[in-house]
Amino acid sequence: MTDLEEPSNKNDTSHGLSDSVAGDKSELLTKPAICSQSELDMMYKDVQKEFDIFISQYEFPDDISKNGKKKLIKKLQFDFFKPIKRKIEREKLKRKKASNPDSCPKRRKGNKLCDSRNKVRIAVDCSFDELMSEKDIIKLSKQIQRCYSINRHMDDPLQLHLTNLKGKTLNRLDDFLDGYKNWDMHLQTESLIELFPPDEVVYLCAESENLLSSFDESKIYAIGGFVDHNSHKGLAYERAKTAGFQHARLPIDKYFTLATRKVLTVCHVFEIISNFCITNSWTSAIEKTIPDRKGLEPKNTIEDDDEILEPN
């Protein structure tokens, strides 16, 4: 067994509780009435006690490293506490609805991709695994999750792809994000170059000299799935040129000045694109998305009258 290999059946974490306690827990988890905070605290403490007993009896591999053991315990704990954490979140929402029903409107879901009138294709390129630490992989997986959430709540969602989904990013989704395989999006292990002709791909890079004005449904626009903390500046741009892809940058610097670099997170880039598809205005899409810490200041630029370069 490797350091992070799934536990064997003898160390099953699906319950990790005695039959009587598991039955009580199942009953509590399905109880329709609103639990008090003290009841929730007691439930959490009971699960913690059961987990402590479970870990004390768990048979770790003989050759597991100290760091590997810590990671495995963290994963086991995540799986063990998942039901009770979901229960607590549901109860908090119940109390909020009970105290103020109008504050919790019913969650609205958008159309399915196949029914969407929006045929613009966006790909998150997950080919940078080997350059990211475990913490950065975690951040990327959360950004991917955010992109999916934004897309699924659009009336006409974008045609969203995850390409080159393998390695550490795939392992992270497998281990900590139940149900992602059922997401309404295109999950692909192949790379961009394997999936699409080079002249069909427009890679979005902050370093590109080409300014993006609009989207062409015959193209697929790629976002680099990369959390680099400026340690690999221009890497996506260089890879795009090497692969023979077209490239372009979002027109942020045409309408605004930034106090920081123009490089944004994956989910910020996707959110700008989604907002532009709704409003057809770059200024509105950018203002709505860019966080205050970026120091966004508008320029005196008329959006409709200025000539904007298309991707080469």
Protein backbone atom coordinates (compact mmCIF):
# COMPACT_ATOMS: atom_id res chain seq x y z
CA MET A 1 0.00 0.00 0.00
CA THR A 2 1.29 3.46 -0.86
CA ASP A 3 1.16 6.35 1.60
CA LEU A 4 -2.18 7.57 0.29
CA GLU A 5 -3.66 4.30 -0.89
CA GLU A 6 -7.29 3.61 -0.03
CA PRO A 7 -7.72 1.61 3.19
CA SER A 8 -8.51 -2.10 2.96
CA ASN A 9 -11.85 -3.58 4.02
CA LYS A 10 -10.53 -4.46 7.47
CA ASN A 11 -10.10 -0.72 8.08
CA ASP A 12 -13.43 0.29 6.51
CA THR A 13 -14.19 3.99 7.09
CA SER A 14 -17.68 3.98 5.62
CA HIS A 15 -19.03 3.86 9.17
CA GLY A 16 -16.23 3.23 11.67
CA LEU A 17 -18.95 2.98 14.37
CA SER A 18 -20.47 0.17 16.36
CA ASP A 19 -23.82 -1.04 15.03
CA SER A 20 -25.81 0.56 17.84
CA VAL A 21 -24.03 3.91 17.59
CA ALA A 22 -24.21 3.82 13.79
CA GLY A 23 -27.95 3.19 14.02
CA ASP A 24 -28.41 6.11 16.41
CA LYS A 25 -26.31 8.32 14.13
CA SER A 26 -28.36 7.30 11.07
CA GLU A 27 -31.56 8.12 12.92
CA LEU A 28 -30.22 11.52 13.95
CA LEU A 29 -29.06 12.30 10.42
CA THR A 30 -32.55 11.65 9.03
CA LYS A 31 -34.49 13.29 11.86
CA PRO A 32 -36.70 15.99 10.31
CA ALA A 33 -36.92 18.22 13.39
CA ILE A 34 -34.48 21.08 13.88
CA CYS A 35 -31.68 20.14 16.26
CA SER A 36 -30.45 22.52 18.89
CA GLN A 37 -26.83 23.65 18.90
CA SER A 38 -26.15 21.61 22.03
CA GLU A 39 -27.50 18.48 20.28
CA LEU A 40 -25.25 19.11 17.29
CA ASP A 41 -22.24 19.65 19.56
CA MET A 42 -22.96 16.38 21.33
CA MET A 43 -23.28 14.53 18.03
CA TYR A 44 -19.94 15.95 16.87
CA LYS A 45 -18.22 14.93 20.12
CA ASP A 46 -19.62 11.40 19.79
CA VAL A 47 -18.23 11.10 16.27
CA GLN A 48 -14.87 12.44 17.47
CA LYS A 49 -14.74 9.75 20.17
CA GLU A 50 -15.57 7.05 17.64
CA PHE A 51 -12.90 8.35 15.28
CA ASP A 52 -10.28 8.32 18.03
CA ILE A 53 -11.12 4.68 18.76
CA PHE A 54 -11.08 3.85 15.05
CA ILE A 55 -7.62 5.41 14.53
CA SER A 56 -6.22 3.68 17.60
CA GLN A 57 -7.19 0.34 16.05
CA TYR A 58 -6.31 1.18 12.45
CA GLU A 59 -3.53 -0.92 10.92
CA PHE A 60 -1.16 1.40 9.10
CA PRO A 61 1.33 -0.02 6.56
CA ASP A 62 4.69 -0.85 8.10
CA ASP A 63 6.60 1.18 5.52
CA ILE A 64 4.47 4.33 5.71
CA SER A 65 6.38 7.55 6.38
CA LYS A 66 5.54 9.97 9.16
CA ASN A 67 4.29 12.54 6.65
CA GLY A 68 2.37 9.88 4.75
CA LYS A 69 0.69 8.75 7.96
CA LYS A 70 -0.42 12.30 8.73
CA LYS A 71 -1.91 12.65 5.25
CA LEU A 72 -3.71 9.33 5.50
CA ILE A 73 -5.17 10.20 8.93
CA LYS A 74 -6.35 13.53 7.51
CA LYS A 75 -8.10 11.77 4.63
CA LEU A 76 -9.69 9.19 6.94
CA GLN A 77 -10.88 11.99 9.21
CA PHE A 78 -12.37 13.85 6.25
CA ASP A 79 -14.37 10.78 5.19
CA PHE A 80 -15.37 9.96 8.76
CA PHE A 81 -16.71 13.42 9.60
CA LYS A 82 -18.37 14.12 6.25
CA PRO A 83 -21.90 12.97 7.29
CA ILE A 84 -21.96 14.94 10.54
CA LYS A 85 -20.59 18.08 8.85
CA ARG A 86 -23.33 17.85 6.24
CA LYS A 87 -25.88 17.38 9.03
CA ILE A 88 -24.62 20.51 10.82
CA GLU A 89 -24.78 22.59 7.63
CA ARG A 90 -28.34 21.40 6.93
CA GLU A 91 -29.42 22.25 10.47
CA LYS A 92 -27.90 25.73 10.23
CA LEU A 93 -29.83 26.30 7.02
CA LYS A 94 -33.05 25.03 8.64
CA ARG A 95 -32.66 27.49 11.52
CA LYS A 96 -31.92 30.33 9.13
CA LYS A 97 -35.00 29.53 7.06
CA ALA A 98 -37.15 29.23 10.19
CA SER A 99 -36.04 32.63 11.50
CA ASN A 100 -36.16 34.44 8.16
CA PRO A 101 -37.66 32.49 5.22
CA ASP A 102 -37.01 35.29 2.72
CA SER A 103 -33.26 35.19 3.40
CA CYS A 104 -32.95 31.73 1.85
CA PRO A 105 -34.43 31.77 -1.65
CA LYS A 106 -34.64 28.46 -3.44
CA ARG A 107 -31.41 27.71 -5.25
CA ARG A 108 -31.78 28.22 -8.97
CA LYS A 109 -30.09 25.91 -11.41
CA GLY A 110 -29.43 26.82 -15.00
CA ASN A 111 -29.97 24.75 -18.10
CA LYS A 112 -27.99 21.70 -18.98
CA LEU A 113 -25.06 22.15 -21.34
CA CYS A 114 -26.82 20.25 -24.09
CA ASP A 115 -29.82 22.61 -23.86
CA SER A 116 -27.83 25.83 -23.54
CA ARG A 117 -28.05 28.40 -26.31
CA ASN A 118 -24.52 29.45 -25.42
CA LYS A 119 -22.09 27.38 -27.49
CA VAL A 120 -18.91 29.19 -26.44
CA ARG A 121 -16.36 26.57 -25.38
CA ILE A 122 -14.04 27.11 -22.41
CA ALA A 123 -11.36 24.65 -21.30
CA VAL A 124 -9.41 24.56 -18.05
CA ASP A 125 -6.06 23.03 -18.98
CA CYS A 126 -4.88 20.82 -16.09
CA SER A 127 -1.46 20.03 -17.54
CA PHE A 128 0.63 21.82 -14.88
CA ASP A 129 0.42 19.19 -12.13
CA GLU A 130 4.14 18.55 -11.90
CA LEU A 131 4.84 22.23 -11.16
CA MET A 132 2.42 22.61 -8.26
CA SER A 133 2.69 21.72 -4.59
CA GLU A 134 -0.02 19.78 -2.78
CA LYS A 135 -1.39 23.04 -1.35
CA ASP A 136 -1.61 24.54 -4.83
CA ILE A 137 -3.40 21.45 -6.14
CA ILE A 138 -5.96 21.93 -3.37
CA LYS A 139 -6.41 25.58 -4.38
CA LEU A 140 -6.81 24.61 -8.04
CA SER A 141 -9.44 21.99 -7.23
CA LYS A 142 -11.43 24.60 -5.30
CA GLN A 143 -11.16 27.03 -8.23
CA ILE A 144 -12.40 24.33 -10.60
CA GLN A 145 -15.30 23.70 -8.26
CA ARG A 146 -16.08 27.42 -8.26
CA CYS A 147 -16.05 27.52 -12.08
CA TYR A 148 -18.52 24.67 -12.19
CA SER A 149 -20.77 26.38 -9.64
CA ILE A 150 -20.80 29.62 -11.64
CA ASN A 151 -21.57 27.75 -14.85
CA ARG A 152 -24.37 25.60 -13.50
CA HIS A 153 -26.25 28.67 -12.25
CA MET A 154 -26.19 30.43 -15.61
CA ASP A 155 -29.41 30.45 -17.64
CA ASP A 156 -27.30 29.47 -20.63
CA PRO A 157 -24.10 27.85 -19.35
CA LEU A 158 -20.85 27.82 -21.26
CA GLN A 159 -19.57 24.58 -22.76
CA LEU A 160 -17.05 23.88 -20.01
CA HIS A 161 -14.21 21.36 -20.44
CA LEU A 162 -11.56 20.03 -18.05
CA THR A 163 -8.68 18.74 -20.16
CA ASN A 164 -5.61 16.71 -19.22
CA LEU A 165 -7.41 15.69 -16.04
CA LYS A 166 -5.00 13.21 -14.50
CA GLY A 167 -2.26 12.98 -11.91
CA LYS A 168 -2.46 14.99 -8.69
CA THR A 169 -5.47 17.07 -9.72
CA LEU A 170 -7.51 13.97 -10.56
CA ASN A 171 -6.43 12.28 -7.33
CA ARG A 172 -7.53 15.31 -5.34
CA LEU A 173 -10.98 15.29 -6.95
CA ASP A 174 -11.29 11.53 -6.43
CA ASP A 175 -10.34 11.75 -2.77
CA PHE A 176 -12.16 14.87 -1.61
CA LEU A 177 -14.92 15.79 -4.04
CA ASP A 178 -17.71 13.26 -4.18
CA GLY A 179 -19.92 13.40 -7.24
CA TYR A 180 -17.64 15.41 -9.53
CA LYS A 181 -17.95 12.66 -12.16
CA ASN A 182 -21.63 13.54 -12.39
CA TRP A 183 -20.97 17.22 -13.10
CA ASP A 184 -22.57 18.58 -16.23
CA MET A 185 -19.32 19.37 -17.99
CA HIS A 186 -16.77 17.67 -20.23
CA LEU A 187 -14.20 15.74 -18.17
CA GLN A 188 -11.32 14.67 -20.40
CA THR A 189 -7.99 12.99 -19.64
CA GLU A 190 -6.62 13.94 -23.06
CA SER A 191 -4.62 17.13 -23.59
CA LEU A 192 -5.72 20.11 -25.66
CA ILE A 193 -3.44 19.12 -28.53
CA GLU A 194 -4.97 15.62 -28.56
CA LEU A 195 -8.55 16.89 -28.51
CA PHE A 196 -8.53 19.92 -30.80
CA PRO A 197 -6.68 21.15 -33.91
CA PRO A 198 -4.11 23.82 -32.95
CA ASP A 199 -5.85 26.50 -35.04
CA GLU A 200 -9.02 25.89 -33.04
CA VAL A 201 -7.45 26.69 -29.66
CA VAL A 202 -7.11 30.22 -28.27
CA TYR A 203 -5.04 30.18 -25.09
CA LEU A 204 -5.83 33.03 -22.70
CA CYS A 205 -2.53 34.45 -21.40
CA ALA A 206 -1.84 37.75 -19.66
CA GLU A 207 1.42 38.07 -21.66
CA SER A 208 -0.21 37.80 -25.10
CA GLU A 209 0.01 40.81 -27.41
CA ASN A 210 -3.45 40.01 -28.82
CA LEU A 211 -6.46 41.65 -27.20
CA LEU A 212 -9.66 39.62 -27.03
CA SER A 213 -12.86 41.37 -28.11
CA SER A 214 -15.46 38.62 -28.44
CA PHE A 215 -15.86 34.87 -28.61
CA ASP A 216 -16.05 32.64 -31.66
CA GLU A 217 -18.07 29.44 -31.23
CA SER A 218 -15.76 27.64 -33.66
CA LYS A 219 -12.86 28.15 -31.21
CA ILE A 220 -12.16 26.76 -27.76
CA TYR A 221 -10.69 29.21 -25.24
CA ALA A 222 -8.21 27.67 -22.81
CA ILE A 223 -7.46 28.83 -19.26
CA GLY A 224 -4.25 27.53 -17.69
CA GLY A 225 -5.11 25.45 -14.62
CA PHE A 226 -2.11 26.69 -12.72
CA VAL A 227 -1.51 28.16 -9.25
CA ASP A 228 2.07 29.42 -9.50
CA HIS A 229 2.50 32.46 -7.18
CA ASN A 230 4.45 34.19 -10.00
CA SER A 231 7.16 31.54 -9.90
CA HIS A 232 6.60 30.49 -13.54
CA LYS A 233 5.72 33.77 -15.20
CA GLY A 234 4.72 33.41 -18.85
CA LEU A 235 4.79 29.60 -18.85
CA ALA A 236 1.28 29.16 -20.31
CA TYR A 237 2.12 31.73 -23.00
CA GLU A 238 5.29 29.87 -23.99
CA ARG A 239 3.51 26.53 -24.02
CA ALA A 240 0.75 27.97 -26.22
CA LYS A 241 3.27 29.27 -28.74
CA THR A 242 5.19 25.97 -28.77
CA ALA A 243 1.99 24.02 -29.41
CA GLY A 244 1.01 26.34 -32.25
CA PHE A 245 -2.09 27.61 -30.46
CA GLN A 246 -3.54 31.05 -31.01
CA HIS A 247 -3.40 33.21 -27.90
CA ALA A 248 -5.01 36.34 -26.50
CA ARG A 249 -5.46 38.26 -23.27
CA LEU A 250 -8.60 39.62 -21.67
CA PRO A 251 -8.92 43.38 -22.31
CA ILE A 252 -8.44 44.32 -18.66
CA ASP A 253 -5.63 46.82 -19.30
CA LYS A 254 -7.66 48.48 -22.06
CA TYR A 255 -10.32 49.69 -19.67
CA PHE A 256 -8.60 49.57 -16.27
CA THR A 257 -5.31 49.90 -14.48
CA LEU A 258 -4.35 47.36 -11.83
CA ALA A 259 -2.14 47.87 -8.80
CA THR A 260 -0.97 44.26 -9.16
CA ARG A 261 -0.16 41.88 -12.01
CA LYS A 262 -2.89 41.15 -14.54
CA VAL A 263 -2.67 37.43 -13.81
CA LEU A 264 -5.91 36.19 -12.24
CA THR A 265 -7.10 32.94 -10.71
CA VAL A 266 -8.79 30.36 -12.90
CA CYS A 267 -12.20 31.09 -11.42
CA HIS A 268 -11.80 34.87 -11.84
CA VAL A 269 -10.99 34.46 -15.54
CA PHE A 270 -13.95 32.13 -15.98
CA GLU A 271 -16.26 34.49 -14.07
CA ILE A 272 -15.24 37.45 -16.26
CA ILE A 273 -16.02 35.38 -19.36
CA SER A 274 -19.37 34.22 -17.99
CA ASN A 275 -20.34 37.79 -17.02
CA PHE A 276 -19.33 39.07 -20.45
CA CYS A 277 -21.53 36.43 -22.09
CA ILE A 278 -24.44 37.74 -20.01
CA THR A 279 -23.86 41.50 -20.31
CA ASN A 280 -21.84 41.76 -23.55
CA SER A 281 -19.77 44.40 -21.75
CA TRP A 282 -16.13 43.91 -20.78
CA THR A 283 -16.16 46.82 -18.33
CA SER A 284 -19.18 45.47 -16.50
CA ALA A 285 -17.84 41.91 -16.47
CA ILE A 286 -14.42 42.97 -15.17
CA GLU A 287 -15.73 45.38 -12.52
CA LYS A 288 -18.11 42.76 -11.21
CA THR A 289 -15.39 40.12 -10.89
CA ILE A 290 -12.02 41.66 -9.98
CA PRO A 291 -11.50 41.75 -6.18
CA ASP A 292 -10.78 45.06 -4.46
CA ARG A 293 -7.28 43.94 -3.46
CA LYS A 294 -6.25 44.16 -7.12
CA GLY A 295 -6.65 47.95 -7.01
CA LEU A 296 -8.86 48.26 -10.10
CA GLU A 297 -9.08 51.82 -11.50
CA PRO A 298 -11.08 52.67 -14.66
CA LYS A 299 -9.52 54.39 -17.65
CA ASN A 300 -11.30 56.96 -19.82
CA THR A 301 -11.98 54.49 -22.61
CA ILE A 302 -15.15 54.19 -24.67
CA GLU A 303 -15.83 50.49 -24.98
CA ASP A 304 -17.87 50.43 -28.17
CA ASP A 305 -15.81 52.82 -30.32
CA ASP A 306 -12.26 51.53 -29.86
CA GLU A 307 -10.75 49.04 -32.24
CA ILE A 308 -9.83 45.78 -30.57
CA LEU A 309 -7.45 43.26 -32.01
CA GLU A 310 -8.68 39.73 -32.60
CA PRO A 311 -6.48 36.74 -31.71
CA ASN A 312 -3.93 35.91 -34.41
